[in-house]
C-alpha atoms as a PDB file:
ATOM      1  CA  MET A   1     -53.362 -30.643  37.858  1.00  0.00           C
ATOM      2  CA  PRO A   2     -51.350 -28.046  35.527  1.00  0.00           C
ATOM      3  CA  VAL A   3     -53.099 -25.483  33.808  1.00  0.00           C
ATOM      4  CA  HIS A   4     -51.948 -23.338  31.420  1.00  0.00           C
ATOM      5  CA  ARG A   5     -53.150 -20.227  29.464  1.00  0.00           C
ATOM      6  CA  TYR A   6     -51.507 -19.037  26.145  1.00  0.00           C
ATOM      7  CA  VAL A   7     -51.738 -16.223  23.969  1.00  0.00           C
ATOM      8  CA  VAL A   8     -51.021 -16.583  20.385  1.00  0.00           C
ATOM      9  CA  LYS A   9     -51.283 -14.663  17.246  1.00  0.00           C
ATOM     10  CA  SER A  10     -52.768 -16.961  15.154  1.00  0.00           C
ATOM     11  CA  SER A  11     -56.799 -17.174  14.504  1.00  0.00           C
ATOM     12  CA  VAL A  12     -58.354 -19.878  16.520  1.00  0.00           C
ATOM     13  CA  LEU A  13     -59.294 -22.441  13.842  1.00  0.00           C
ATOM     14  CA  GLU A  14     -55.367 -22.368  12.362  1.00  0.00           C
ATOM     15  CA  THR A  15     -54.348 -22.849  16.413  1.00  0.00           C
ATOM     16  CA  MET A  16     -56.763 -25.589  16.865  1.00  0.00           C
ATOM     17  CA  GLU A  17     -55.371 -27.238  13.399  1.00  0.00           C
ATOM     18  CA  MET A  18     -51.798 -27.116  15.078  1.00  0.00           C
ATOM     19  CA  ILE A  19     -52.824 -28.551  17.882  1.00  0.00           C
ATOM     20  CA  LYS A  20     -54.860 -31.280  16.261  1.00  0.00           C
ATOM     21  CA  LEU A  21     -51.688 -32.386  14.043  1.00  0.00           C
ATOM     22  CA  SER A  22     -49.297 -32.320  17.222  1.00  0.00           C
ATOM     23  CA  GLN A  23     -51.482 -34.611  18.724  1.00  0.00           C
ATOM     24  CA  ALA A  24     -52.172 -36.624  15.174  1.00  0.00           C
ATOM     25  CA  ALA A  25     -51.386 -40.191  16.827  1.00  0.00           C
ATOM     26  CA  ASN A  26     -54.024 -39.455  19.457  1.00  0.00           C
ATOM     27  CA  PRO A  27     -57.015 -38.257  17.969  1.00  0.00           C
ATOM     28  CA  PRO A  28     -59.210 -36.110  19.889  1.00  0.00           C
ATOM     29  CA  ILE A  29     -62.144 -37.674  21.588  1.00  0.00           C
ATOM     30  CA  PHE A  30     -64.260 -34.496  21.102  1.00  0.00           C
ATOM     31  CA  GLU A  31     -64.059 -31.682  19.047  1.00  0.00           C
ATOM     32  CA  GLU A  32     -66.091 -28.346  18.699  1.00  0.00           C
ATOM     33  CA  ILE A  33     -65.754 -25.235  16.788  1.00  0.00           C
ATOM     34  CA  ARG A  34     -68.440 -22.157  18.164  1.00  0.00           C
ATOM     35  CA  SER A  35     -69.062 -19.435  15.626  1.00  0.00           C
ATOM     36  CA  PHE A  36     -70.960 -16.378  17.228  1.00  0.00           C
ATOM     37  CA  GLN A  37     -72.985 -13.403  15.415  1.00  0.00           C
ATOM     38  CA  ASP A  38     -70.085 -11.291  16.513  1.00  0.00           C
ATOM     39  CA  GLY A  39     -67.000 -12.627  14.789  1.00  0.00           C
ATOM     40  CA  LYS A  40     -65.692 -14.669  17.879  1.00  0.00           C
ATOM     41  CA  THR A  41     -65.000 -18.367  17.418  1.00  0.00           C
ATOM     42  CA  LEU A  42     -64.609 -20.751  20.925  1.00  0.00           C
ATOM     43  CA  ALA A  43     -63.113 -24.667  19.753  1.00  0.00           C
ATOM     44  CA  THR A  44     -62.660 -27.153  22.590  1.00  0.00           C
ATOM     45  CA  LEU A  45     -60.578 -30.257  22.439  1.00  0.00           C
ATOM     46  CA  ALA A  46     -60.898 -33.198  24.466  1.00  0.00           C
ATOM     47  CA  TYR A  47     -58.033 -35.901  24.406  1.00  0.00           C
ATOM     48  CA  GLU A  48     -57.419 -39.034  26.586  1.00  0.00           C
ATOM     49  CA  LYS A  49     -53.780 -40.911  26.656  1.00  0.00           C
ATOM     50  CA  TYR A  50     -52.404 -44.196  27.979  1.00  0.00           C
ATOM     51  CA  TYR A  51     -49.399 -44.557  28.612  1.00  0.00           C
ATOM     52  CA  PHE A  52     -48.967 -48.535  29.018  1.00  0.00           C
ATOM     53  CA  ARG A  53     -45.251 -48.929  30.079  1.00  0.00           C
ATOM     54  CA  ALA A  54     -46.182 -47.255  33.134  1.00  0.00           C
ATOM     55  CA  SER A  55     -49.632 -47.970  33.389  1.00  0.00           C
ATOM     56  CA  ASN A  56     -50.629 -43.853  33.187  1.00  0.00           C
ATOM     57  CA  ARG A  57     -53.551 -42.684  31.822  1.00  0.00           C
ATOM     58  CA  ALA A  58     -53.467 -38.551  31.032  1.00  0.00           C
ATOM     59  CA  ALA A  59     -56.442 -36.102  30.125  1.00  0.00           C
ATOM     60  CA  LEU A  60     -56.210 -32.787  28.119  1.00  0.00           C
ATOM     61  CA  PHE A  61     -58.955 -30.440  27.612  1.00  0.00           C
ATOM     62  CA  ILE A  62     -58.003 -27.284  25.471  1.00  0.00           C
ATOM     63  CA  THR A  63     -60.398 -24.114  24.717  1.00  0.00           C
ATOM     64  CA  ILE A  64     -59.529 -21.889  22.345  1.00  0.00           C
ATOM     65  CA  HIS A  65     -60.892 -18.173  21.838  1.00  0.00           C
ATOM     66  CA  ASN A  66     -60.670 -14.979  20.471  1.00  0.00           C
ATOM     67  CA  PHE A  67     -62.873 -13.434  23.044  1.00  0.00           C
ATOM     68  CA  HIS A  68     -60.844 -10.439  24.090  1.00  0.00           C
ATOM     69  CA  GLY A  69     -58.989  -9.578  20.454  1.00  0.00           C
ATOM     70  CA  GLU A  70     -56.721 -12.360  20.180  1.00  0.00           C
ATOM     71  CA  ALA A  71     -56.242 -15.930  20.312  1.00  0.00           C
ATOM     72  CA  GLU A  72     -56.032 -17.371  24.243  1.00  0.00           C
ATOM     73  CA  VAL A  73     -55.380 -20.866  24.587  1.00  0.00           C
ATOM     74  CA  THR A  74     -56.225 -22.756  27.811  1.00  0.00           C
ATOM     75  CA  ALA A  75     -54.911 -26.113  28.400  1.00  0.00           C
ATOM     76  CA  VAL A  76     -56.267 -28.202  31.597  1.00  0.00           C
ATOM     77  CA  SER A  77     -54.390 -31.590  32.027  1.00  0.00           C
ATOM     78  CA  THR A  78     -54.606 -34.673  34.436  1.00  0.00           C
ATOM     79  CA  GLY A  79     -53.430 -37.595  34.665  1.00  0.00           C
ATOM     80  CA  SER A  80     -53.463 -40.979  37.222  1.00  0.00           C
ATOM     81  CA  SER A  81     -52.299 -44.357  37.212  1.00  0.00           C
ATOM     82  CA  ASP A  82     -53.628 -48.008  38.025  1.00  0.00           C
ATOM     83  CA  SER A  83     -50.598 -48.115  41.171  1.00  0.00           C
ATOM     84  CA  PHE A  84     -52.638 -49.967  44.011  1.00  0.00           C
ATOM     85  CA  LEU A  85     -51.246 -47.433  46.771  1.00  0.00           C
ATOM     86  CA  PHE A  86     -50.639 -44.887  44.704  1.00  0.00           C
ATOM     87  CA  ASN A  87     -53.061 -42.868  42.235  1.00  0.00           C
ATOM     88  CA  LEU A  88     -49.791 -40.190  41.146  1.00  0.00           C
ATOM     89  CA  ASP A  89     -49.487 -39.983  37.409  1.00  0.00           C
ATOM     90  CA  PHE A  90     -45.537 -39.751  37.324  1.00  0.00           C
ATOM     91  CA  GLY A  91     -45.420 -36.522  34.544  1.00  0.00           C
ATOM     92  CA  ALA A  92     -47.893 -38.065  32.621  1.00  0.00           C
ATOM     93  CA  ALA A  93     -50.159 -34.952  32.505  1.00  0.00           C
ATOM     94  CA  ASN A  94     -47.180 -32.520  32.536  1.00  0.00           C
ATOM     95  CA  HIS A  95     -45.705 -34.542  29.365  1.00  0.00           C
ATOM     96  CA  PHE A  96     -49.329 -34.401  27.668  1.00  0.00           C
ATOM     97  CA  LEU A  97     -49.354 -30.618  28.175  1.00  0.00           C
ATOM     98  CA  ARG A  98     -45.593 -29.700  26.901  1.00  0.00           C
ATOM     99  CA  GLY A  99     -46.864 -31.093  23.589  1.00  0.00           C
ATOM    100  CA  VAL A 100     -49.174 -28.601  23.107  1.00  0.00           C
ATOM    101  CA  LYS A 101     -47.077 -26.153  24.202  1.00  0.00           C
ATOM    102  CA  LYS A 102     -44.687 -26.809  21.535  1.00  0.00           C
ATOM    103  CA  ALA A 103     -47.287 -27.283  18.763  1.00  0.00           C
ATOM    104  CA  ILE A 104     -47.928 -23.738  19.389  1.00  0.00           C
ATOM    105  CA  SER A 105     -44.664 -22.168  19.907  1.00  0.00           C
ATOM    106  CA  PRO A 106     -44.496 -20.768  16.838  1.00  0.00           C
ATOM    107  CA  VAL A 107     -47.380 -18.360  17.405  1.00  0.00           C
ATOM    108  CA  LEU A 108     -46.449 -18.142  21.118  1.00  0.00           C
ATOM    109  CA  ILE A 109     -47.023 -14.273  22.246  1.00  0.00           C
ATOM    110  CA  SER A 110     -47.346 -15.355  26.333  1.00  0.00           C
ATOM    111  CA  GLU A 111     -47.503 -17.894  28.839  1.00  0.00           C
ATOM    112  CA  THR A 112     -49.673 -17.885  32.226  1.00  0.00           C
ATOM    113  CA  ARG A 113     -49.680 -20.859  34.410  1.00  0.00           C
ATOM    114  CA  LEU A 114     -53.337 -21.075  36.465  1.00  0.00           C
ATOM    115  CA  SER A 115     -51.903 -23.613  38.900  1.00  0.00           C
END
């Protein structure tokens, strides 16, 4: 299960829109924006995708916040397959995560792999 954290030079809402545009063919199954009195913002997106050809499923959970003075994106991806013998995702989770990085690459400052 790959987990990455990105620091970006755009706002929470701009970053959320960039990610949503990159996933336009696959609309989020959940999205939420929360604003706090001190000007902080938290956005949450959740996606799922089914790769028909390989019978793989992938899920992607993304949080975007500006709690520490700059926007941070945390993306968690996981996957599985319908195989009778093995429950592997055959790269589906990493593929899903690469799409997020590609979407935010114009505003990316740094990346940290958390697992």
